[in-house]
Amino acid sequence: MDIFCEEIIKRKFSAKDAGILLLCLVGAVVILLLPMIFTPLLYFFIFILAGVGFGLYYLITSIDWEFEYSITNGDFTCDKIIHRRKRKPQFSINLHDTEEIGKYDPQKFTGRKFDYVYRVGRTVGGTDGEWYLAGHYGQYGRLLVVFSPSDKVLNAIHPFIKRTVDTSALPKPQAADKPAC
């Protein structure tokens, strides 16, 4: 039986994003005032205005991120989608190599070393609904993934985790033979 499940998680707007937005606007105003100070630049004002407008649009829309989780027959893939114009793959792992899974608690990981740590989800800073996957995944080495899945994604992950891994924190599957995707 083939299993495919995907979910798109919209990242929340944060104070850091507001600061970036404010700096972009201040920078645009400063650049637009330059032709007033240096009169030779006044002849190129329309080009400067167009360039600043495009740059401002590009920078402001680059703050808008979404994460897409997809589980396909034991492969867990996460992509970062920037304003629906660009897709950047974050990681792709085989769930059979997972050594730990559960609710994320930062104190649990103090002093532990990982080759890579991916924090993807509603906020990169953390939320209550964060989960983690940890294990040794081929090209990544020791990897810690902190993410914000829904119950349907967790139900799709459950059948591919080895029996030796503690899955007591995971929600119980709704149907014994098929995940809810």
Protein backbone atom coordinates (compact mmCIF):
# COMPACT_ATOMS: atom_id res chain seq x y z
CA MET A 1 0.00 0.00 0.00
CA ASP A 2 1.34 3.40 -0.99
CA ILE A 3 1.14 6.26 1.48
CA PHE A 4 1.31 9.91 0.49
CA CYS A 5 0.60 12.77 2.88
CA GLU A 6 1.50 16.43 2.63
CA GLU A 7 0.87 19.55 4.63
CA ILE A 8 1.73 23.21 4.16
CA ILE A 9 2.59 25.16 7.32
CA LYS A 10 2.51 28.96 7.13
CA ARG A 11 5.22 30.62 9.19
CA LYS A 12 3.98 33.31 11.56
CA PHE A 13 5.02 36.94 11.17
CA SER A 14 7.47 37.79 13.96
CA ALA A 15 9.05 40.88 15.50
CA LYS A 16 12.25 40.12 13.57
CA ASP A 17 10.24 40.24 10.33
CA ALA A 18 8.77 43.61 11.34
CA GLY A 19 12.29 44.91 11.96
CA ILE A 20 13.45 43.76 8.54
CA LEU A 21 10.41 45.38 6.96
CA LEU A 22 11.10 48.66 8.76
CA LEU A 23 14.77 48.64 7.71
CA CYS A 24 13.76 48.02 4.08
CA LEU A 25 11.38 50.96 4.13
CA VAL A 26 13.96 53.29 5.73
CA GLY A 27 16.58 52.17 3.21
CA ALA A 28 14.19 52.83 0.32
CA VAL A 29 13.43 56.35 1.58
CA VAL A 30 17.15 57.11 1.98
CA ILE A 31 17.92 55.89 -1.54
CA LEU A 32 15.04 57.93 -2.97
CA LEU A 33 16.33 61.07 -1.20
CA LEU A 34 19.82 60.70 -2.71
CA PRO A 35 18.88 62.30 -6.07
CA MET A 36 17.70 65.37 -4.13
CA ILE A 37 21.15 65.74 -2.55
CA PHE A 38 23.26 64.83 -5.58
CA THR A 39 21.60 66.68 -8.46
CA PRO A 40 23.38 64.75 -11.26
CA LEU A 41 21.42 61.69 -10.07
CA LEU A 42 18.14 63.57 -10.61
CA TYR A 43 18.25 62.67 -14.32
CA PHE A 44 18.15 58.99 -13.39
CA PHE A 45 15.38 59.38 -10.82
CA ILE A 46 12.84 57.31 -12.76
CA PHE A 47 15.32 54.40 -13.02
CA ILE A 48 16.24 54.73 -9.35
CA LEU A 49 12.53 54.78 -8.44
CA ALA A 50 11.86 51.63 -10.49
CA GLY A 51 14.89 49.84 -9.02
CA VAL A 52 13.99 50.76 -5.45
CA GLY A 53 10.36 49.74 -6.03
CA PHE A 54 11.34 46.33 -7.40
CA GLY A 55 13.98 45.78 -4.69
CA LEU A 56 11.53 46.74 -1.95
CA TYR A 57 8.87 44.39 -3.34
CA TYR A 58 11.36 41.53 -3.60
CA LEU A 59 12.71 41.99 -0.06
CA ILE A 60 9.26 42.37 1.53
CA THR A 61 7.87 39.29 -0.20
CA SER A 62 10.97 37.26 0.76
CA ILE A 63 9.77 37.43 4.37
CA ASP A 64 6.69 35.33 3.45
CA TRP A 65 7.65 31.64 4.01
CA GLU A 66 5.75 28.40 4.05
CA PHE A 67 7.00 24.92 4.81
CA GLU A 68 5.69 21.85 3.01
CA TYR A 69 6.04 18.47 4.69
CA SER A 70 5.44 15.40 2.58
CA ILE A 71 5.62 11.73 3.50
CA THR A 72 5.84 9.31 0.59
CA ASN A 73 6.30 5.63 1.46
CA GLY A 74 8.73 6.28 4.30
CA ASP A 75 10.53 9.30 2.84
CA PHE A 76 10.02 12.52 4.79
CA THR A 77 10.73 15.65 2.76
CA CYS A 78 10.54 19.28 3.80
CA ASP A 79 10.65 22.22 1.38
CA LYS A 80 10.68 25.92 2.13
CA ILE A 81 8.41 27.91 -0.19
CA ILE A 82 9.22 31.61 -0.44
CA HIS A 83 6.17 33.70 -1.41
CA ARG A 84 4.95 30.94 -3.75
CA ARG A 85 7.69 31.83 -6.25
CA LYS A 86 10.64 29.74 -5.11
CA ARG A 87 10.92 26.26 -3.59
CA LYS A 88 14.06 25.39 -1.62
CA PRO A 89 14.48 21.78 -0.47
CA GLN A 90 15.41 21.67 3.23
CA PHE A 91 15.98 17.94 3.73
CA SER A 92 14.81 14.52 2.61
CA ILE A 93 15.24 11.58 4.98
CA ASN A 94 14.19 7.95 5.23
CA LEU A 95 12.00 7.49 8.31
CA HIS A 96 13.32 3.94 8.84
CA ASP A 97 16.58 5.54 10.09
CA THR A 98 14.83 7.49 12.87
CA GLU A 99 16.23 6.77 16.34
CA GLU A 100 14.05 9.15 18.38
CA ILE A 101 10.72 10.92 17.92
CA GLY A 102 8.62 12.93 20.35
CA LYS A 103 7.48 16.31 21.63
CA TYR A 104 10.31 18.83 21.47
CA ASP A 105 11.79 20.05 24.76
CA PRO A 106 14.97 22.17 24.39
CA GLN A 107 16.37 21.04 27.78
CA LYS A 108 16.38 17.45 26.55
CA PHE A 109 18.97 18.32 23.90
CA THR A 110 21.42 20.44 25.90
CA GLY A 111 24.90 19.00 25.58
CA ARG A 112 24.00 16.69 22.68
CA LYS A 113 25.90 17.10 19.41
CA PHE A 114 24.26 16.95 15.98
CA ASP A 115 25.85 17.49 12.56
CA TYR A 116 22.76 19.38 11.35
CA VAL A 117 19.75 20.89 13.11
CA TYR A 118 16.73 21.88 11.02
CA ARG A 119 14.10 24.06 12.68
CA VAL A 120 11.12 24.29 10.36
CA GLY A 121 7.57 25.13 11.25
CA ARG A 122 5.13 27.75 12.38
CA THR A 123 7.86 29.87 13.96
CA VAL A 124 11.53 29.18 13.79
CA GLY A 125 11.72 30.39 17.41
CA GLY A 126 9.49 27.64 18.79
CA THR A 127 5.89 26.80 19.61
CA ASP A 128 4.01 24.40 21.87
CA GLY A 129 3.19 22.02 19.03
CA GLU A 130 6.77 21.25 18.02
CA TRP A 131 7.96 17.69 17.51
CA TYR A 132 11.39 16.30 16.78
CA LEU A 133 12.97 13.51 14.79
CA ALA A 134 16.55 12.50 15.51
CA GLY A 135 18.76 9.91 13.94
CA HIS A 136 21.67 9.14 11.66
CA TYR A 137 20.52 9.88 8.13
CA GLY A 138 23.12 9.01 5.45
CA GLN A 139 24.24 12.26 3.82
CA TYR A 140 23.32 14.43 6.83
CA GLY A 141 25.00 12.40 9.57
CA ARG A 142 23.49 12.99 13.03
CA LEU A 143 20.42 15.10 12.30
CA LEU A 144 17.84 16.77 14.52
CA VAL A 145 14.64 17.96 12.84
CA VAL A 146 12.31 20.20 14.85
CA PHE A 147 8.98 20.69 13.07
CA SER A 148 5.28 21.52 13.63
CA PRO A 149 3.17 18.72 12.12
CA SER A 150 -0.54 18.08 12.32
CA ASP A 151 -1.99 14.80 13.57
CA LYS A 152 -2.45 13.53 10.01
CA VAL A 153 1.28 13.94 9.30
CA LEU A 154 2.16 12.22 12.58
CA ASN A 155 -0.19 9.36 11.69
CA ALA A 156 1.53 9.04 8.30
CA ILE A 157 4.97 8.95 9.97
CA HIS A 158 3.99 6.31 12.54
CA PRO A 159 4.01 3.17 10.29
CA PHE A 160 7.57 3.84 9.07
CA ILE A 161 9.26 4.20 12.47
CA LYS A 162 11.18 1.10 13.60
CA ARG A 163 9.59 -0.93 16.38
CA THR A 164 12.62 -0.35 18.61
CA VAL A 165 11.90 3.41 18.73
CA ASP A 166 9.65 4.71 21.53
CA THR A 167 6.50 6.03 19.82
CA SER A 168 4.40 6.48 22.95
CA ALA A 169 4.28 10.28 22.44
CA LEU A 170 2.73 9.91 18.98
CA PRO A 171 -1.05 10.02 18.66
CA LYS A 172 -2.62 6.62 18.17
CA PRO A 173 -3.38 5.86 14.51
CA GLN A 174 -7.05 6.33 13.63
CA ALA A 175 -7.30 3.16 11.54
CA ALA A 176 -5.09 0.13 11.98
CA ASP A 177 -4.56 -0.40 8.28
CA LYS A 178 -4.44 3.10 6.78
CA PRO A 179 -3.14 6.56 7.88
CA ALA A 180 -5.56 9.48 7.69
CA CYS A 181 -4.19 11.18 4.56
